[in-house]
């Protein structure tokens, strides 16, 4: 038995799948002032809906909610089933403070109490 779906039904199913992925994901990519929801993230890249961002390239920031996770250098990989896939050329974890260039003793005092 073969199953044949009309073009309209296939497009509707694809749109519903993309909408469900958008709703479930908290991840987003920020390029300058533009923000795009991420549909999926894996070790070597991520995917975005083709109608949202089909031509991303270069340095982008990856967020989960308000948390800055990574700064990424990306290239477009392939478009498949309504998703544009991007691969990481570089993936750097974001930190909230600059790295220290000296050893900080964990037992050292946090601050000094001034004399009155």
PDB file of N, CA and C in Angstrom:
ATOM      1  N   UNK A   1       0.840  -1.168   0.000  1.00  0.00           N
ATOM      2  CA  UNK A   1       0.000   0.000   0.000  1.00  0.00           C
ATOM      3  C   UNK A   1       0.890   1.237   0.000  1.00  0.00           C
ATOM      4  N   UNK A   2       0.596   2.157  -0.828  1.00  0.00           N
ATOM      5  CA  UNK A   2       1.371   3.393  -0.894  1.00  0.00           C
ATOM      6  C   UNK A   2       0.549   4.523  -0.308  1.00  0.00           C
ATOM      7  N   UNK A   3       1.252   5.482   0.251  1.00  0.00           N
ATOM      8  CA  UNK A   3       0.600   6.645   0.829  1.00  0.00           C
ATOM      9  C   UNK A   3       0.996   7.855   0.020  1.00  0.00           C
ATOM     10  N   UNK A   4       0.012   8.581  -0.440  1.00  0.00           N
ATOM     11  CA  UNK A   4       0.266   9.779  -1.215  1.00  0.00           C
ATOM     12  C   UNK A   4      -0.381  10.954  -0.498  1.00  0.00           C
ATOM     13  N   UNK A   5       0.427  11.959  -0.241  1.00  0.00           N
ATOM     14  CA  UNK A   5      -0.092  13.178   0.370  1.00  0.00           C
ATOM     15  C   UNK A   5       0.023  14.300  -0.645  1.00  0.00           C
ATOM     16  N   UNK A   6      -1.011  15.092  -0.705  1.00  0.00           N
ATOM     17  CA  UNK A   6      -0.972  16.214  -1.640  1.00  0.00           C
ATOM     18  C   UNK A   6       0.058  17.247  -1.174  1.00  0.00           C
ATOM     19  N   UNK A   7       0.444  18.131  -2.073  1.00  0.00           N
ATOM     20  CA  UNK A   7       1.442  19.146  -1.772  1.00  0.00           C
ATOM     21  C   UNK A   7       0.995  20.031  -0.617  1.00  0.00           C
ATOM     22  N   UNK A   8      -0.280  20.403  -0.565  1.00  0.00           N
ATOM     23  CA  UNK A   8      -0.792  21.270   0.492  1.00  0.00           C
ATOM     24  C   UNK A   8      -0.708  20.596   1.852  1.00  0.00           C
ATOM     25  N   UNK A   9      -1.022  19.305   1.907  1.00  0.00           N
ATOM     26  CA  UNK A   9      -0.964  18.568   3.171  1.00  0.00           C
ATOM     27  C   UNK A   9       0.486  18.456   3.645  1.00  0.00           C
ATOM     28  N   UNK A  10       1.407  18.143   2.722  1.00  0.00           N
ATOM     29  CA  UNK A  10       2.824  18.060   3.096  1.00  0.00           C
ATOM     30  C   UNK A  10       3.348  19.388   3.614  1.00  0.00           C
ATOM     31  N   UNK A  11       2.993  20.488   2.952  1.00  0.00           N
ATOM     32  CA  UNK A  11       3.429  21.812   3.402  1.00  0.00           C
ATOM     33  C   UNK A  11       2.845  22.154   4.768  1.00  0.00           C
ATOM     34  N   UNK A  12       1.585  21.773   4.987  1.00  0.00           N
ATOM     35  CA  UNK A  12       0.957  22.013   6.288  1.00  0.00           C
ATOM     36  C   UNK A  12       1.621  21.223   7.398  1.00  0.00           C
ATOM     37  N   UNK A  13       1.950  19.963   7.130  1.00  0.00           N
ATOM     38  CA  UNK A  13       2.651  19.146   8.125  1.00  0.00           C
ATOM     39  C   UNK A  13       4.037  19.708   8.432  1.00  0.00           C
ATOM     40  N   UNK A  14       4.726  20.168   7.406  1.00  0.00           N
ATOM     41  CA  UNK A  14       6.061  20.750   7.594  1.00  0.00           C
ATOM     42  C   UNK A  14       5.981  22.042   8.407  1.00  0.00           C
ATOM     43  N   UNK A  15       4.996  22.876   8.130  1.00  0.00           N
ATOM     44  CA  UNK A  15       4.819  24.111   8.890  1.00  0.00           C
ATOM     45  C   UNK A  15       4.477  23.820  10.347  1.00  0.00           C
ATOM     46  N   UNK A  16       3.672  22.804  10.599  1.00  0.00           N
ATOM     47  CA  UNK A  16       3.336  22.426  11.974  1.00  0.00           C
ATOM     48  C   UNK A  16       4.561  21.894  12.717  1.00  0.00           C
ATOM     49  N   UNK A  17       5.412  21.142  12.028  1.00  0.00           N
ATOM     50  CA  UNK A  17       6.627  20.606  12.655  1.00  0.00           C
ATOM     51  C   UNK A  17       7.582  21.744  13.025  1.00  0.00           C
ATOM     52  N   UNK A  18       7.762  22.702  12.136  1.00  0.00           N
ATOM     53  CA  UNK A  18       8.636  23.846  12.403  1.00  0.00           C
ATOM     54  C   UNK A  18       8.083  24.683  13.562  1.00  0.00           C
ATOM     55  N   UNK A  19       6.771  24.894  13.586  1.00  0.00           N
ATOM     56  CA  UNK A  19       6.150  25.669  14.669  1.00  0.00           C
ATOM     57  C   UNK A  19       6.329  24.975  16.014  1.00  0.00           C
ATOM     58  N   UNK A  20       6.221  23.649  16.048  1.00  0.00           N
ATOM     59  CA  UNK A  20       6.417  22.911  17.295  1.00  0.00           C
ATOM     60  C   UNK A  20       7.867  23.002  17.766  1.00  0.00           C
ATOM     61  N   UNK A  21       8.818  22.947  16.838  1.00  0.00           N
ATOM     62  CA  UNK A  21      10.230  23.091  17.216  1.00  0.00           C
ATOM     63  C   UNK A  21      10.529  24.490  17.753  1.00  0.00           C
ATOM     64  N   UNK A  22       9.943  25.513  17.137  1.00  0.00           N
ATOM     65  CA  UNK A  22      10.136  26.891  17.611  1.00  0.00           C
ATOM     66  C   UNK A  22       9.600  27.067  19.023  1.00  0.00           C
ATOM     67  N   UNK A  23       8.440  26.507  19.268  1.00  0.00           N
ATOM     68  CA  UNK A  23       7.791  26.677  20.566  1.00  0.00           C
ATOM     69  C   UNK A  23       8.547  25.947  21.669  1.00  0.00           C
ATOM     70  N   UNK A  24       9.132  24.805  21.360  1.00  0.00           N
ATOM     71  CA  UNK A  24       9.811  23.992  22.368  1.00  0.00           C
ATOM     72  C   UNK A  24      11.204  24.499  22.706  1.00  0.00           C
ATOM     73  N   UNK A  25      11.835  25.258  21.828  1.00  0.00           N
ATOM     74  CA  UNK A  25      13.219  25.662  22.032  1.00  0.00           C
ATOM     75  C   UNK A  25      13.324  27.015  22.707  1.00  0.00           C
ATOM     76  N   UNK A  26      14.242  27.118  23.674  1.00  0.00           N
ATOM     77  CA  UNK A  26      14.541  28.395  24.323  1.00  0.00           C
ATOM     78  C   UNK A  26      15.783  29.042  23.731  1.00  0.00           C
ATOM     79  N   UNK A  27      16.434  28.332  22.829  1.00  0.00           N
ATOM     80  CA  UNK A  27      17.675  28.828  22.246  1.00  0.00           C
ATOM     81  C   UNK A  27      17.394  29.885  21.187  1.00  0.00           C
ATOM     82  N   UNK A  28      18.325  30.834  21.060  1.00  0.00           N
ATOM     83  CA  UNK A  28      18.205  31.851  20.031  1.00  0.00           C
ATOM     84  C   UNK A  28      19.587  32.299  19.603  1.00  0.00           C
ATOM     85  N   UNK A  29      19.674  32.786  18.382  1.00  0.00           N
ATOM     86  CA  UNK A  29      20.916  33.302  17.822  1.00  0.00           C
ATOM     87  C   UNK A  29      20.741  34.797  17.635  1.00  0.00           C
ATOM     88  N   UNK A  30      21.749  35.565  18.040  1.00  0.00           N
ATOM     89  CA  UNK A  30      21.699  37.004  17.868  1.00  0.00           C
ATOM     90  C   UNK A  30      22.835  37.435  16.953  1.00  0.00           C
ATOM     91  N   UNK A  31      22.453  38.151  15.902  1.00  0.00           N
ATOM     92  CA  UNK A  31      23.405  38.704  14.941  1.00  0.00           C
ATOM     93  C   UNK A  31      23.178  40.206  14.928  1.00  0.00           C
ATOM     94  N   UNK A  32      24.055  40.954  15.573  1.00  0.00           N
ATOM     95  CA  UNK A  32      23.829  42.396  15.705  1.00  0.00           C
ATOM     96  C   UNK A  32      22.582  42.640  16.539  1.00  0.00           C
ATOM     97  N   UNK A  33      21.575  43.291  15.954  1.00  0.00           N
ATOM     98  CA  UNK A  33      20.312  43.536  16.654  1.00  0.00           C
ATOM     99  C   UNK A  33      19.235  42.523  16.289  1.00  0.00           C
ATOM    100  N   UNK A  34      19.507  41.649  15.329  1.00  0.00           N
ATOM    101  CA  UNK A  34      18.528  40.657  14.878  1.00  0.00           C
ATOM    102  C   UNK A  34      18.611  39.397  15.720  1.00  0.00           C
ATOM    103  N   UNK A  35      17.445  38.836  16.051  1.00  0.00           N
ATOM    104  CA  UNK A  35      17.359  37.628  16.875  1.00  0.00           C
ATOM    105  C   UNK A  35      16.546  36.588  16.121  1.00  0.00           C
ATOM    106  N   UNK A  36      17.071  35.349  16.075  1.00  0.00           N
ATOM    107  CA  UNK A  36      16.412  34.250  15.373  1.00  0.00           C
ATOM    108  C   UNK A  36      16.300  33.050  16.316  1.00  0.00           C
ATOM    109  N   UNK A  37      15.126  32.412  16.388  1.00  0.00           N
ATOM    110  CA  UNK A  37      14.994  31.217  17.232  1.00  0.00           C
ATOM    111  C   UNK A  37      15.737  30.029  16.624  1.00  0.00           C
ATOM    112  N   UNK A  38      16.398  29.257  17.480  1.00  0.00           N
ATOM    113  CA  UNK A  38      17.132  28.063  17.059  1.00  0.00           C
ATOM    114  C   UNK A  38      16.209  26.863  17.212  1.00  0.00           C
ATOM    115  N   UNK A  39      16.092  26.059  16.162  1.00  0.00           N
ATOM    116  CA  UNK A  39      15.223  24.887  16.199  1.00  0.00           C
ATOM    117  C   UNK A  39      15.902  23.704  16.864  1.00  0.00           C
ATOM    118  N   UNK A  40      17.189  23.501  16.573  1.00  0.00           N
ATOM    119  CA  UNK A  40      17.922  22.371  17.150  1.00  0.00           C
ATOM    120  C   UNK A  40      19.390  22.747  17.284  1.00  0.00           C
ATOM    121  N   UNK A  41      20.040  22.167  18.289  1.00  0.00           N
ATOM    122  CA  UNK A  41      21.461  22.396  18.529  1.00  0.00           C
ATOM    123  C   UNK A  41      22.132  21.052  18.716  1.00  0.00           C
ATOM    124  N   UNK A  42      23.265  20.839  18.065  1.00  0.00           N
ATOM    125  CA  UNK A  42      24.036  19.620  18.241  1.00  0.00           C
ATOM    126  C   UNK A  42      25.493  20.007  18.389  1.00  0.00           C
ATOM    127  N   UNK A  43      26.363  19.030  18.506  1.00  0.00           N
ATOM    128  CA  UNK A  43      27.771  19.266  18.821  1.00  0.00           C
ATOM    129  C   UNK A  43      28.473  20.136  17.777  1.00  0.00           C
ATOM    130  N   UNK A  44      28.168  19.967  16.524  1.00  0.00           N
ATOM    131  CA  UNK A  44      28.882  20.660  15.451  1.00  0.00           C
ATOM    132  C   UNK A  44      28.104  21.805  14.817  1.00  0.00           C
ATOM    133  N   UNK A  45      26.895  22.104  15.289  1.00  0.00           N
ATOM    134  CA  UNK A  45      26.130  23.177  14.673  1.00  0.00           C
ATOM    135  C   UNK A  45      24.731  23.316  15.228  1.00  0.00           C
ATOM    136  N   UNK A  46      23.902  24.034  14.478  1.00  0.00           N
ATOM    137  CA  UNK A  46      22.515  24.273  14.868  1.00  0.00           C
ATOM    138  C   UNK A  46      21.689  24.512  13.615  1.00  0.00           C
ATOM    139  N   UNK A  47      20.371  24.566  13.791  1.00  0.00           N
ATOM    140  CA  UNK A  47      19.486  24.838  12.656  1.00  0.00           C
ATOM    141  C   UNK A  47      18.500  25.943  13.019  1.00  0.00           C
ATOM    142  N   UNK A  48      18.128  26.706  11.993  1.00  0.00           N
ATOM    143  CA  UNK A  48      17.180  27.812  12.101  1.00  0.00           C
ATOM    144  C   UNK A  48      16.176  27.636  10.975  1.00  0.00           C
ATOM    145  N   UNK A  49      14.952  28.085  11.175  1.00  0.00           N
ATOM    146  CA  UNK A  49      13.941  27.998  10.122  1.00  0.00           C
ATOM    147  C   UNK A  49      14.402  28.799   8.903  1.00  0.00           C
ATOM    148  N   UNK A  50      14.214  28.246   7.721  1.00  0.00           N
ATOM    149  CA  UNK A  50      14.685  28.882   6.488  1.00  0.00           C
ATOM    150  C   UNK A  50      14.038  30.241   6.271  1.00  0.00           C
ATOM    151  N   UNK A  51      12.750  30.381   6.590  1.00  0.00           N
ATOM    152  CA  UNK A  51      12.096  31.666   6.370  1.00  0.00           C
ATOM    153  C   UNK A  51      12.563  32.729   7.364  1.00  0.00           C
ATOM    154  N   UNK A  52      13.120  32.312   8.514  1.00  0.00           N
ATOM    155  CA  UNK A  52      13.642  33.280   9.483  1.00  0.00           C
ATOM    156  C   UNK A  52      15.003  33.819   9.055  1.00  0.00           C
ATOM    157  N   UNK A  53      15.939  32.924   8.820  1.00  0.00           N
ATOM    158  CA  UNK A  53      17.311  33.353   8.513  1.00  0.00           C
ATOM    159  C   UNK A  53      17.945  32.334   7.589  1.00  0.00           C
ATOM    160  N   UNK A  54      17.974  32.650   6.324  1.00  0.00           N
ATOM    161  CA  UNK A  54      18.558  31.718   5.372  1.00  0.00           C
ATOM    162  C   UNK A  54      19.979  32.091   4.977  1.00  0.00           C
ATOM    163  N   UNK A  55      20.458  33.254   5.411  1.00  0.00           N
ATOM    164  CA  UNK A  55      21.782  33.695   4.987  1.00  0.00           C
ATOM    165  C   UNK A  55      22.622  34.213   6.151  1.00  0.00           C
ATOM    166  N   UNK A  56      22.652  33.515   7.260  1.00  0.00           N
ATOM    167  CA  UNK A  56      23.525  33.906   8.366  1.00  0.00           C
ATOM    168  C   UNK A  56      24.951  33.508   8.036  1.00  0.00           C
ATOM    169  N   UNK A  57      25.887  34.284   8.570  1.00  0.00           N
ATOM    170  CA  UNK A  57      27.285  33.977   8.315  1.00  0.00           C
ATOM    171  C   UNK A  57      28.136  34.819   9.243  1.00  0.00           C
ATOM    172  N   UNK A  58      29.246  34.272   9.684  1.00  0.00           N
ATOM    173  CA  UNK A  58      30.197  35.044  10.474  1.00  0.00           C
ATOM    174  C   UNK A  58      30.029  34.830  11.963  1.00  0.00           C
ATOM    175  N   UNK A  59      30.273  35.878  12.738  1.00  0.00           N
ATOM    176  CA  UNK A  59      30.278  35.815  14.188  1.00  0.00           C
ATOM    177  C   UNK A  59      28.874  36.061  14.734  1.00  0.00           C
ATOM    178  N   UNK A  60      28.358  35.110  15.509  1.00  0.00           N
ATOM    179  CA  UNK A  60      27.030  35.221  16.115  1.00  0.00           C
ATOM    180  C   UNK A  60      27.126  34.855  17.591  1.00  0.00           C
ATOM    181  N   UNK A  61      26.110  35.248  18.359  1.00  0.00           N
ATOM    182  CA  UNK A  61      26.029  34.896  19.773  1.00  0.00           C
ATOM    183  C   UNK A  61      24.859  33.952  19.973  1.00  0.00           C
ATOM    184  N   UNK A  62      25.073  32.899  20.767  1.00  0.00           N
ATOM    185  CA  UNK A  62      24.058  31.890  21.034  1.00  0.00           C
ATOM    186  C   UNK A  62      23.594  32.039  22.479  1.00  0.00           C
ATOM    187  N   UNK A  63      22.284  32.196  22.671  1.00  0.00           N
ATOM    188  CA  UNK A  63      21.684  32.409  23.988  1.00  0.00           C
ATOM    189  C   UNK A  63      20.686  31.302  24.303  1.00  0.00           C
ATOM    190  N   UNK A  64      20.560  31.008  25.595  1.00  0.00           N
ATOM    191  CA  UNK A  64      19.454  30.188  26.088  1.00  0.00           C
ATOM    192  C   UNK A  64      18.686  31.059  27.063  1.00  0.00           C
ATOM    193  N   UNK A  65      17.540  31.541  26.640  1.00  0.00           N
ATOM    194  CA  UNK A  65      16.815  32.524  27.434  1.00  0.00           C
ATOM    195  C   UNK A  65      17.633  33.800  27.498  1.00  0.00           C
ATOM    196  N   UNK A  66      18.002  34.225  28.714  1.00  0.00           N
ATOM    197  CA  UNK A  66      18.821  35.425  28.882  1.00  0.00           C
ATOM    198  C   UNK A  66      20.296  35.085  29.082  1.00  0.00           C
ATOM    199  N   UNK A  67      20.621  33.803  29.160  1.00  0.00           N
ATOM    200  CA  UNK A  67      21.999  33.379  29.410  1.00  0.00           C
ATOM    201  C   UNK A  67      22.799  33.312  28.115  1.00  0.00           C
ATOM    202  N   UNK A  68      23.908  34.029  28.089  1.00  0.00           N
ATOM    203  CA  UNK A  68      24.797  34.004  26.928  1.00  0.00           C
ATOM    204  C   UNK A  68      25.653  32.746  27.028  1.00  0.00           C
ATOM    205  N   UNK A  69      25.448  31.788  26.109  1.00  0.00           N
ATOM    206  CA  UNK A  69      26.157  30.519  26.164  1.00  0.00           C
ATOM    207  C   UNK A  69      27.469  30.542  25.396  1.00  0.00           C
ATOM    208  N   UNK A  70      27.404  30.911  24.116  1.00  0.00           N
ATOM    209  CA  UNK A  70      28.565  30.800  23.245  1.00  0.00           C
ATOM    210  C   UNK A  70      28.654  31.992  22.302  1.00  0.00           C
ATOM    211  N   UNK A  71      29.884  32.250  21.880  1.00  0.00           N
ATOM    212  CA  UNK A  71      30.133  33.131  20.752  1.00  0.00           C
ATOM    213  C   UNK A  71      30.652  32.214  19.651  1.00  0.00           C
ATOM    214  N   UNK A  72      30.025  32.250  18.483  1.00  0.00           N
ATOM    215  CA  UNK A  72      30.281  31.257  17.446  1.00  0.00           C
ATOM    216  C   UNK A  72      30.662  31.924  16.134  1.00  0.00           C
ATOM    217  N   UNK A  73      31.548  31.268  15.412  1.00  0.00           N
ATOM    218  CA  UNK A  73      31.841  31.618  14.033  1.00  0.00           C
ATOM    219  C   UNK A  73      31.205  30.519  13.201  1.00  0.00           C
ATOM    220  N   UNK A  74      30.265  30.888  12.311  1.00  0.00           N
ATOM    221  CA  UNK A  74      29.463  29.876  11.619  1.00  0.00           C
ATOM    222  C   UNK A  74      29.544  30.025  10.107  1.00  0.00           C
ATOM    223  N   UNK A  75      29.232  28.935   9.423  1.00  0.00           N
ATOM    224  CA  UNK A  75      29.052  28.919   7.973  1.00  0.00           C
ATOM    225  C   UNK A  75      27.797  28.113   7.673  1.00  0.00           C
ATOM    226  N   UNK A  76      27.107  28.461   6.591  1.00  0.00           N
ATOM    227  CA  UNK A  76      25.906  27.738   6.183  1.00  0.00           C
ATOM    228  C   UNK A  76      26.301  26.374   5.655  1.00  0.00           C
ATOM    229  N   UNK A  77      25.533  25.357   6.032  1.00  0.00           N
ATOM    230  CA  UNK A  77      25.848  23.996   5.625  1.00  0.00           C
ATOM    231  C   UNK A  77      24.884  23.509   4.546  1.00  0.00           C
ATOM    232  N   UNK A  78      23.591  23.392   4.904  1.00  0.00           N
ATOM    233  CA  UNK A  78      22.614  22.897   3.944  1.00  0.00           C
ATOM    234  C   UNK A  78      21.210  23.308   4.356  1.00  0.00           C
ATOM    235  N   UNK A  79      20.328  23.334   3.395  1.00  0.00           N
ATOM    236  CA  UNK A  79      18.909  23.593   3.650  1.00  0.00           C
ATOM    237  C   UNK A  79      18.163  22.290   3.428  1.00  0.00           C
ATOM    238  N   UNK A  80      17.364  21.906   4.423  1.00  0.00           N
ATOM    239  CA  UNK A  80      16.629  20.650   4.319  1.00  0.00           C
ATOM    240  C   UNK A  80      15.341  20.743   5.120  1.00  0.00           C
ATOM    241  N   UNK A  81      14.231  20.431   4.499  1.00  0.00           N
ATOM    242  CA  UNK A  81      12.915  20.334   5.145  1.00  0.00           C
ATOM    243  C   UNK A  81      12.548  21.585   5.934  1.00  0.00           C
ATOM    244  N   UNK A  82      12.750  22.752   5.349  1.00  0.00           N
ATOM    245  CA  UNK A  82      12.356  23.990   6.010  1.00  0.00           C
ATOM    246  C   UNK A  82      13.340  24.493   7.040  1.00  0.00           C
ATOM    247  N   UNK A  83      14.476  23.831   7.192  1.00  0.00           N
ATOM    248  CA  UNK A  83      15.503  24.241   8.149  1.00  0.00           C
ATOM    249  C   UNK A  83      16.792  24.574   7.413  1.00  0.00           C
ATOM    250  N   UNK A  84      17.457  25.612   7.859  1.00  0.00           N
ATOM    251  CA  UNK A  84      18.793  25.940   7.358  1.00  0.00           C
ATOM    252  C   UNK A  84      19.778  25.516   8.435  1.00  0.00           C
ATOM    253  N   UNK A  85      20.716  24.670   8.073  1.00  0.00           N
ATOM    254  CA  UNK A  85      21.687  24.147   9.033  1.00  0.00           C
ATOM    255  C   UNK A  85      22.995  24.916   8.917  1.00  0.00           C
ATOM    256  N   UNK A  86      23.564  25.207  10.059  1.00  0.00           N
ATOM    257  CA  UNK A  86      24.827  25.935  10.134  1.00  0.00           C
ATOM    258  C   UNK A  86      25.830  25.109  10.918  1.00  0.00           C
ATOM    259  N   UNK A  87      27.091  25.186  10.527  1.00  0.00           N
ATOM    260  CA  UNK A  87      28.159  24.475  11.226  1.00  0.00           C
ATOM    261  C   UNK A  87      29.067  25.481  11.911  1.00  0.00           C
ATOM    262  N   UNK A  88      29.626  25.062  13.053  1.00  0.00           N
ATOM    263  CA  UNK A  88      30.554  25.902  13.790  1.00  0.00           C
ATOM    264  C   UNK A  88      31.952  25.775  13.202  1.00  0.00           C
ATOM    265  N   UNK A  89      32.581  26.895  12.936  1.00  0.00           N
ATOM    266  CA  UNK A  89      34.005  26.902  12.634  1.00  0.00           C
ATOM    267  C   UNK A  89      34.777  27.141  13.929  1.00  0.00           C
ATOM    268  N   UNK A  90      34.147  27.898  14.831  1.00  0.00           N
ATOM    269  CA  UNK A  90      34.718  28.159  16.144  1.00  0.00           C
ATOM    270  C   UNK A  90      33.567  28.290  17.123  1.00  0.00           C
ATOM    271  N   UNK A  91      33.729  27.721  18.306  1.00  0.00           N
ATOM    272  CA  UNK A  91      32.702  27.770  19.346  1.00  0.00           C
ATOM    273  C   UNK A  91      33.404  28.107  20.656  1.00  0.00           C
ATOM    274  N   UNK A  92      33.173  29.325  21.164  1.00  0.00           N
ATOM    275  CA  UNK A  92      33.829  29.787  22.370  1.00  0.00           C
ATOM    276  C   UNK A  92      32.788  30.006  23.450  1.00  0.00           C
ATOM    277  N   UNK A  93      33.002  29.392  24.603  1.00  0.00           N
ATOM    278  CA  UNK A  93      32.068  29.555  25.707  1.00  0.00           C
ATOM    279  C   UNK A  93      32.149  30.975  26.249  1.00  0.00           C
ATOM    280  N   UNK A  94      31.003  31.586  26.518  1.00  0.00           N
ATOM    281  CA  UNK A  94      30.946  32.953  27.034  1.00  0.00           C
ATOM    282  C   UNK A  94      31.110  32.925  28.548  1.00  0.00           C
ATOM    283  N   UNK A  95      31.860  33.868  29.069  1.00  0.00           N
ATOM    284  CA  UNK A  95      32.078  33.997  30.517  1.00  0.00           C
ATOM    285  C   UNK A  95      31.538  35.337  30.975  1.00  0.00           C
ATOM    286  N   UNK A  96      31.134  35.403  32.246  1.00  0.00           N
ATOM    287  CA  UNK A  96      30.599  36.654  32.765  1.00  0.00           C
ATOM    288  C   UNK A  96      31.685  37.582  33.304  1.00  0.00           C
ATOM    289  N   UNK A  97      32.917  37.086  33.420  1.00  0.00           N
ATOM    290  CA  UNK A  97      34.036  37.904  33.886  1.00  0.00           C
ATOM    291  C   UNK A  97      35.267  37.566  33.044  1.00  0.00           C
ATOM    292  N   UNK A  98      36.188  38.514  32.912  1.00  0.00           N
ATOM    293  CA  UNK A  98      37.396  38.204  32.146  1.00  0.00           C
ATOM    294  C   UNK A  98      38.239  37.163  32.870  1.00  0.00           C
ATOM    295  N   UNK A  99      39.007  36.381  32.148  1.00  0.00           N
ATOM    296  CA  UNK A  99      39.843  35.372  32.793  1.00  0.00           C
ATOM    297  C   UNK A  99      40.960  36.025  33.617  1.00  0.00           C
ATOM    298  N   UNK A 100      41.314  35.383  34.715  1.00  0.00           N
ATOM    299  CA  UNK A 100      42.374  35.900  35.575  1.00  0.00           C
ATOM    300  C   UNK A 100      43.734  35.482  35.035  1.00  0.00           C
ATOM    301  N   UNK A 101      44.723  36.343  35.189  1.00  0.00           N
ATOM    302  CA  UNK A 101      46.066  35.986  34.768  1.00  0.00           C
ATOM    303  C   UNK A 101      46.969  35.704  35.971  1.00  0.00           C
ATOM    304  N   UNK A 102      46.326  35.416  37.117  1.00  0.00           N
ATOM    305  CA  UNK A 102      47.071  35.077  38.324  1.00  0.00           C
ATOM    306  C   UNK A 102      46.245  34.083  39.135  1.00  0.00           C
ATOM    307  N   UNK A 103      46.900  33.425  40.099  1.00  0.00           N
ATOM    308  CA  UNK A 103      46.222  32.460  40.958  1.00  0.00           C
ATOM    309  C   UNK A 103      45.557  33.196  42.111  1.00  0.00           C
ATOM    310  N   UNK A 104      44.275  32.936  42.317  1.00  0.00           N
ATOM    311  CA  UNK A 104      43.555  33.523  43.443  1.00  0.00           C
ATOM    312  C   UNK A 104      43.389  32.445  44.517  1.00  0.00           C
ATOM    313  N   UNK A 105      43.960  32.696  45.688  1.00  0.00           N
ATOM    314  CA  UNK A 105      43.900  31.752  46.797  1.00  0.00           C
ATOM    315  C   UNK A 105      42.460  31.666  47.311  1.00  0.00           C
ATOM    316  N   UNK A 106      41.893  30.443  47.383  1.00  0.00           N
ATOM    317  CA  UNK A 106      40.502  30.343  47.847  1.00  0.00           C
ATOM    318  C   UNK A 106      40.336  30.746  49.305  1.00  0.00           C
ATOM    319  N   UNK A 107      41.403  30.713  50.102  1.00  0.00           N
ATOM    320  CA  UNK A 107      41.319  31.086  51.509  1.00  0.00           C
ATOM    321  C   UNK A 107      41.604  32.552  51.766  1.00  0.00           C
ATOM    322  N   UNK A 108      41.866  33.323  50.740  1.00  0.00           N
ATOM    323  CA  UNK A 108      42.180  34.748  50.903  1.00  0.00           C
ATOM    324  C   UNK A 108      40.924  35.524  51.283  1.00  0.00           C
ATOM    325  N   UNK A 109      41.099  36.635  52.009  1.00  0.00           N
ATOM    326  CA  UNK A 109      39.918  37.439  52.357  1.00  0.00           C
ATOM    327  C   UNK A 109      39.292  38.058  51.110  1.00  0.00           C
ATOM    328  N   UNK A 110      37.986  38.211  51.166  1.00  0.00           N
ATOM    329  CA  UNK A 110      37.256  38.761  50.028  1.00  0.00           C
ATOM    330  C   UNK A 110      37.448  40.267  49.939  1.00  0.00           C
ATOM    331  N   UNK A 111      37.501  40.934  51.070  1.00  0.00           N
ATOM    332  CA  UNK A 111      37.671  42.388  51.094  1.00  0.00           C
ATOM    333  C   UNK A 111      38.349  42.819  52.362  1.00  0.00           C
ATOM    334  N   UNK A 112      38.753  44.065  52.425  1.00  0.00           N
ATOM    335  CA  UNK A 112      39.388  44.626  53.596  1.00  0.00           C
ATOM    336  C   UNK A 112      38.413  45.522  54.344  1.00  0.00           C
ATOM    337  N   UNK A 113      38.500  45.487  55.668  1.00  0.00           N
ATOM    338  CA  UNK A 113      37.667  46.347  56.518  1.00  0.00           C
ATOM    339  C   UNK A 113      38.475  47.600  56.809  1.00  0.00           C
ATOM    340  N   UNK A 114      37.971  48.754  56.421  1.00  0.00           N
ATOM    341  CA  UNK A 114      38.738  49.985  56.665  1.00  0.00           C
ATOM    342  C   UNK A 114      38.750  50.366  58.141  1.00  0.00           C
ATOM    343  N   UNK A 115      39.789  51.084  58.532  1.00  0.00           N
ATOM    344  CA  UNK A 115      39.871  51.566  59.928  1.00  0.00           C
ATOM    345  C   UNK A 115      38.931  52.748  60.103  1.00  0.00           C
ATOM    346  N   UNK A 116      38.323  52.812  61.274  1.00  0.00           N
ATOM    347  CA  UNK A 116      37.411  53.916  61.565  1.00  0.00           C
ATOM    348  C   UNK A 116      38.074  54.993  62.352  1.00  0.00           C
TER     349      UNK A 116
END
